Amino acid sequence: MTVQTHERPAAGGMDIIMVILILGTLWGLSEVVFDDMLRTSGMPLRAAILTGIGMGLLGIAVGMGEKGLILPGIALVTVAARQLAVPLLGCTFLCKANASAAVLLEGMALAGVVACTGRFVDRGISARALTAAAGALIAAAAFYVVGTRLAPCEYLLSFAASGGLLSFMYGEGLSWAAASALGFPLGYALGTRAMEPVTHLRAEQPVSFYFSSVLFLAACWIAIAATIAGVL
């Protein structure tokens, strides 16, 4: 089998930081905004939808050639967005502990799978779907173990009476994997296509590039804070 790969320019430290901040902030915004919307609408598979979006954003980073520790770094920014509820609503960190744990485990699990499988993720859509599905399944299993001990909610505990981890993997893990298998390849394709124009813009107009990036980040964090506070 011939593996098609493409050379990507090496990213500098500031570029890596911007990728982490922008993708982590977008993930945080989606978690805060869409979580409320999905809860209000009563739509099923809420966790799977949010997982698919998150994996899509992580896919952008992998498609741009950013691997390894950058994925948990993106997840940490998302956790920070989730934990804005602590100062804004006056609650403890446990009120968003499970949501934060899920995000962090997804970033760590995907980073681990990508690191262990080498360039397998570059072999095509099927390889990317399998990579994301594997990461999501590992994250789901770890989340059940961590969540039932960190902040055991009624929903998580309901699985303990009907099979425990296996029941959770059937009820949640498989849907997480399916959503990730859809979202990650899309994000990867977007990241691959965005790399060249983003690199060109940064090289040709660095001041405008970084200034607009900072403005974008500020707008997103204001939107996150306003949503959590109930202003939006």
Protein backbone atom coordinates (compact mmCIF):
# COMPACT_ATOMS: atom_id res chain seq x y z
CA MET A 1 0.00 0.00 0.00
CA THR A 2 1.27 3.44 -0.89
CA VAL A 3 0.83 5.94 1.90
CA GLN A 4 0.25 9.47 0.76
CA THR A 5 1.84 12.03 3.03
CA HIS A 6 2.43 15.72 2.71
CA GLU A 7 5.21 17.83 4.13
CA ARG A 8 4.13 20.50 6.53
CA PRO A 9 6.26 23.43 7.64
CA ALA A 10 7.54 23.18 11.17
CA ALA A 11 5.51 25.26 13.58
CA GLY A 12 7.19 27.66 15.96
CA GLY A 13 6.41 28.00 19.64
CA MET A 14 4.01 30.92 19.16
CA ASP A 15 2.18 29.08 16.39
CA ILE A 16 1.70 26.03 18.59
CA ILE A 17 0.37 28.21 21.40
CA MET A 18 -2.10 29.87 19.03
CA VAL A 19 -3.33 26.51 17.73
CA ILE A 20 -3.86 25.30 21.30
CA LEU A 21 -5.67 28.47 22.33
CA ILE A 22 -7.88 28.80 19.26
CA LEU A 23 -8.94 25.16 19.00
CA GLY A 24 -9.30 24.78 22.75
CA THR A 25 -11.41 27.92 22.92
CA LEU A 26 -13.63 26.79 20.04
CA TRP A 27 -14.09 23.44 21.76
CA GLY A 28 -14.93 25.20 25.01
CA LEU A 29 -17.43 27.44 23.24
CA SER A 30 -19.12 24.43 21.65
CA GLU A 31 -19.22 22.60 24.97
CA VAL A 32 -20.84 25.50 26.79
CA VAL A 33 -23.26 26.65 24.07
CA PHE A 34 -24.31 23.32 22.58
CA ASP A 35 -24.51 21.55 25.94
CA ASP A 36 -27.15 24.03 27.08
CA MET A 37 -28.98 23.86 23.76
CA LEU A 38 -29.02 20.06 23.66
CA ARG A 39 -30.14 19.79 27.27
CA THR A 40 -32.95 22.27 26.71
CA SER A 41 -34.13 20.56 23.54
CA GLY A 42 -33.96 17.11 25.08
CA MET A 43 -32.04 15.80 22.08
CA PRO A 44 -30.66 12.29 22.59
CA LEU A 45 -26.97 11.41 22.29
CA ARG A 46 -25.93 14.77 23.72
CA ALA A 47 -22.58 13.47 24.96
CA ALA A 48 -21.88 11.77 21.62
CA ILE A 49 -22.59 14.96 19.67
CA LEU A 50 -20.28 16.99 21.91
CA THR A 51 -17.61 14.30 21.63
CA GLY A 52 -17.85 14.33 17.83
CA ILE A 53 -17.42 18.10 17.76
CA GLY A 54 -14.43 17.92 20.08
CA MET A 55 -12.79 15.16 18.07
CA GLY A 56 -13.38 17.20 14.92
CA LEU A 57 -11.48 20.12 16.41
CA LEU A 58 -8.67 17.82 17.54
CA GLY A 59 -8.68 16.48 13.98
CA ILE A 60 -7.92 19.97 12.69
CA ALA A 61 -4.78 20.02 14.83
CA VAL A 62 -3.67 16.58 13.64
CA GLY A 63 -4.40 17.54 10.03
CA MET A 64 -2.16 20.56 10.45
CA GLY A 65 0.63 18.26 11.61
CA GLU A 66 0.34 19.12 15.30
CA LYS A 67 0.50 15.92 17.32
CA GLY A 68 1.63 14.70 20.71
CA LEU A 69 1.15 16.90 23.75
CA ILE A 70 -0.72 19.56 21.81
CA LEU A 71 -3.96 17.53 21.98
CA PRO A 72 -4.17 17.38 25.79
CA GLY A 73 -3.14 21.03 25.74
CA ILE A 74 -6.17 21.87 23.60
CA ALA A 75 -8.32 19.89 26.02
CA LEU A 76 -6.92 21.82 29.00
CA VAL A 77 -8.05 25.11 27.43
CA THR A 78 -11.52 23.59 27.01
CA VAL A 79 -11.51 22.51 30.65
CA ALA A 80 -10.70 26.11 31.63
CA ALA A 81 -13.77 27.25 29.69
CA ARG A 82 -15.93 24.68 31.45
CA GLN A 83 -14.57 25.69 34.84
CA LEU A 84 -15.50 29.35 34.31
CA ALA A 85 -18.72 28.27 36.00
CA VAL A 86 -16.83 28.24 39.32
CA PRO A 87 -16.18 32.01 39.57
CA LEU A 88 -19.22 33.07 37.54
CA LEU A 89 -21.84 30.92 39.26
CA GLY A 90 -20.18 30.52 42.62
CA CYS A 91 -20.20 26.72 42.47
CA THR A 92 -17.37 24.30 43.25
CA PHE A 93 -15.23 22.72 40.55
CA LEU A 94 -17.14 19.49 41.08
CA CYS A 95 -20.23 20.93 39.36
CA LYS A 96 -18.40 20.62 36.02
CA ALA A 97 -15.93 17.94 37.09
CA ASN A 98 -17.32 15.14 34.94
CA ALA A 99 -17.64 17.31 31.84
CA SER A 100 -14.07 18.51 32.36
CA ALA A 101 -12.80 14.97 32.92
CA ALA A 102 -14.48 13.75 29.73
CA VAL A 103 -12.85 16.48 27.64
CA LEU A 104 -9.40 15.94 29.13
CA LEU A 105 -9.62 12.16 28.71
CA GLU A 106 -10.65 12.55 25.07
CA GLY A 107 -7.61 14.72 24.35
CA MET A 108 -5.27 12.37 26.20
CA ALA A 109 -6.72 9.20 24.68
CA LEU A 110 -6.54 10.50 21.12
CA ALA A 111 -2.99 11.75 21.67
CA GLY A 112 -2.03 8.30 22.94
CA VAL A 113 -3.59 6.48 19.98
CA VAL A 114 -1.98 8.84 17.45
CA ALA A 115 1.41 8.48 19.16
CA CYS A 116 1.19 4.67 19.33
CA THR A 117 0.05 4.19 15.73
CA GLY A 118 2.59 6.50 14.12
CA ARG A 119 1.64 7.56 10.59
CA PHE A 120 -1.38 5.27 10.42
CA VAL A 121 -3.63 8.33 10.71
CA ASP A 122 -2.27 9.61 7.38
CA ARG A 123 -3.37 6.52 5.44
CA GLY A 124 -6.86 7.68 4.58
CA ILE A 125 -10.35 8.33 5.87
CA SER A 126 -10.83 4.80 7.21
CA ALA A 127 -7.60 5.01 9.19
CA ARG A 128 -8.64 8.35 10.67
CA ALA A 129 -12.08 7.04 11.57
CA LEU A 130 -10.54 4.02 13.30
CA THR A 131 -8.03 6.21 15.13
CA ALA A 132 -10.75 8.49 16.45
CA ALA A 133 -13.08 5.62 17.35
CA ALA A 134 -10.32 3.91 19.30
CA GLY A 135 -9.53 7.13 21.15
CA ALA A 136 -13.19 7.68 21.97
CA LEU A 137 -13.64 4.14 23.29
CA ILE A 138 -10.57 4.46 25.51
CA ALA A 139 -11.79 7.85 26.74
CA ALA A 140 -15.28 6.51 27.45
CA ALA A 141 -13.96 3.58 29.47
CA ALA A 142 -11.62 5.83 31.43
CA PHE A 143 -14.40 8.37 31.96
CA TYR A 144 -16.70 5.78 33.52
CA VAL A 145 -13.99 4.73 35.96
CA VAL A 146 -13.00 8.31 36.81
CA GLY A 147 -16.51 9.78 36.79
CA THR A 148 -18.00 7.26 39.19
CA ARG A 149 -15.28 8.20 41.68
CA LEU A 150 -14.74 11.88 41.01
CA ALA A 151 -18.35 13.13 40.90
CA PRO A 152 -20.73 10.14 40.78
CA CYS A 153 -23.97 11.51 39.36
CA GLU A 154 -27.27 9.66 39.18
CA TYR A 155 -26.86 8.98 35.47
CA LEU A 156 -23.44 7.35 35.81
CA LEU A 157 -24.51 5.35 38.84
CA SER A 158 -27.50 3.99 36.93
CA PHE A 159 -25.11 1.91 34.83
CA ALA A 160 -23.63 0.26 37.93
CA ALA A 161 -26.87 -1.59 38.54
CA SER A 162 -27.08 -2.93 34.98
CA GLY A 163 -23.65 -4.17 34.02
CA GLY A 164 -21.29 -1.39 35.05
CA LEU A 165 -18.58 -0.55 32.54
CA LEU A 166 -19.88 -2.88 29.82
CA SER A 167 -23.34 -1.32 30.09
CA PHE A 168 -21.85 2.19 29.87
CA MET A 169 -19.75 1.28 26.85
CA TYR A 170 -22.83 -0.09 25.09
CA GLY A 171 -25.04 2.85 26.05
CA GLU A 172 -22.51 5.67 25.61
CA GLY A 173 -19.12 4.45 24.43
CA LEU A 174 -20.27 3.14 21.06
CA SER A 175 -22.08 6.38 20.23
CA TRP A 176 -19.00 8.39 21.25
CA ALA A 177 -16.92 6.24 18.92
CA ALA A 178 -19.36 6.62 16.02
CA ALA A 179 -19.55 10.40 16.40
CA SER A 180 -15.75 10.62 16.63
CA ALA A 181 -15.34 8.48 13.52
CA LEU A 182 -17.43 11.06 11.67
CA GLY A 183 -16.04 14.25 13.19
CA PHE A 184 -12.31 13.52 13.28
CA PRO A 185 -11.79 12.83 9.54
CA LEU A 186 -13.72 16.00 8.71
CA GLY A 187 -11.55 18.03 11.04
CA TYR A 188 -8.39 16.40 9.69
CA ALA A 189 -9.37 17.32 6.13
CA LEU A 190 -10.09 20.90 7.18
CA GLY A 191 -6.77 21.17 8.99
CA THR A 192 -4.86 19.84 5.99
CA ARG A 193 -6.51 22.34 3.65
CA ALA A 194 -6.18 25.26 6.06
CA MET A 195 -2.47 24.78 6.73
CA GLU A 196 -1.14 26.44 3.58
CA PRO A 197 -3.32 29.59 3.58
CA VAL A 198 -2.86 30.05 7.33
CA THR A 199 0.91 29.70 7.01
CA HIS A 200 0.94 32.14 4.08
CA LEU A 201 -1.14 34.72 5.95
CA ARG A 202 1.05 34.44 9.04
CA ALA A 203 4.21 34.89 6.96
CA GLU A 204 2.91 37.78 4.85
CA GLN A 205 0.94 39.69 7.48
CA PRO A 206 2.13 38.55 10.93
CA VAL A 207 0.83 41.59 12.83
CA SER A 208 -2.64 41.33 11.33
CA PHE A 209 -2.65 37.56 11.80
CA TYR A 210 -1.85 37.61 15.50
CA PHE A 211 -3.96 40.70 16.22
CA SER A 212 -7.04 39.18 14.59
CA SER A 213 -6.38 35.90 16.42
CA VAL A 214 -6.31 37.68 19.77
CA LEU A 215 -9.53 39.56 18.95
CA PHE A 216 -11.19 36.29 17.95
CA LEU A 217 -10.11 34.63 21.19
CA ALA A 218 -11.39 37.57 23.24
CA ALA A 219 -14.79 37.46 21.50
CA CYS A 220 -15.08 33.71 22.09
CA TRP A 221 -14.25 33.96 25.80
CA ILE A 222 -16.74 36.79 26.24
CA ALA A 223 -19.37 34.59 24.57
CA ILE A 224 -18.44 31.65 26.81
CA ALA A 225 -18.67 33.77 29.95
CA ALA A 226 -21.96 35.36 28.87
CA THR A 227 -23.50 31.96 28.11
CA ILE A 228 -22.46 30.53 31.47
CA ALA A 229 -23.75 33.60 33.29
CA GLY A 230 -27.06 33.39 31.44
CA VAL A 231 -26.65 36.67 29.60
CA LEU A 232 -26.91 34.98 26.17
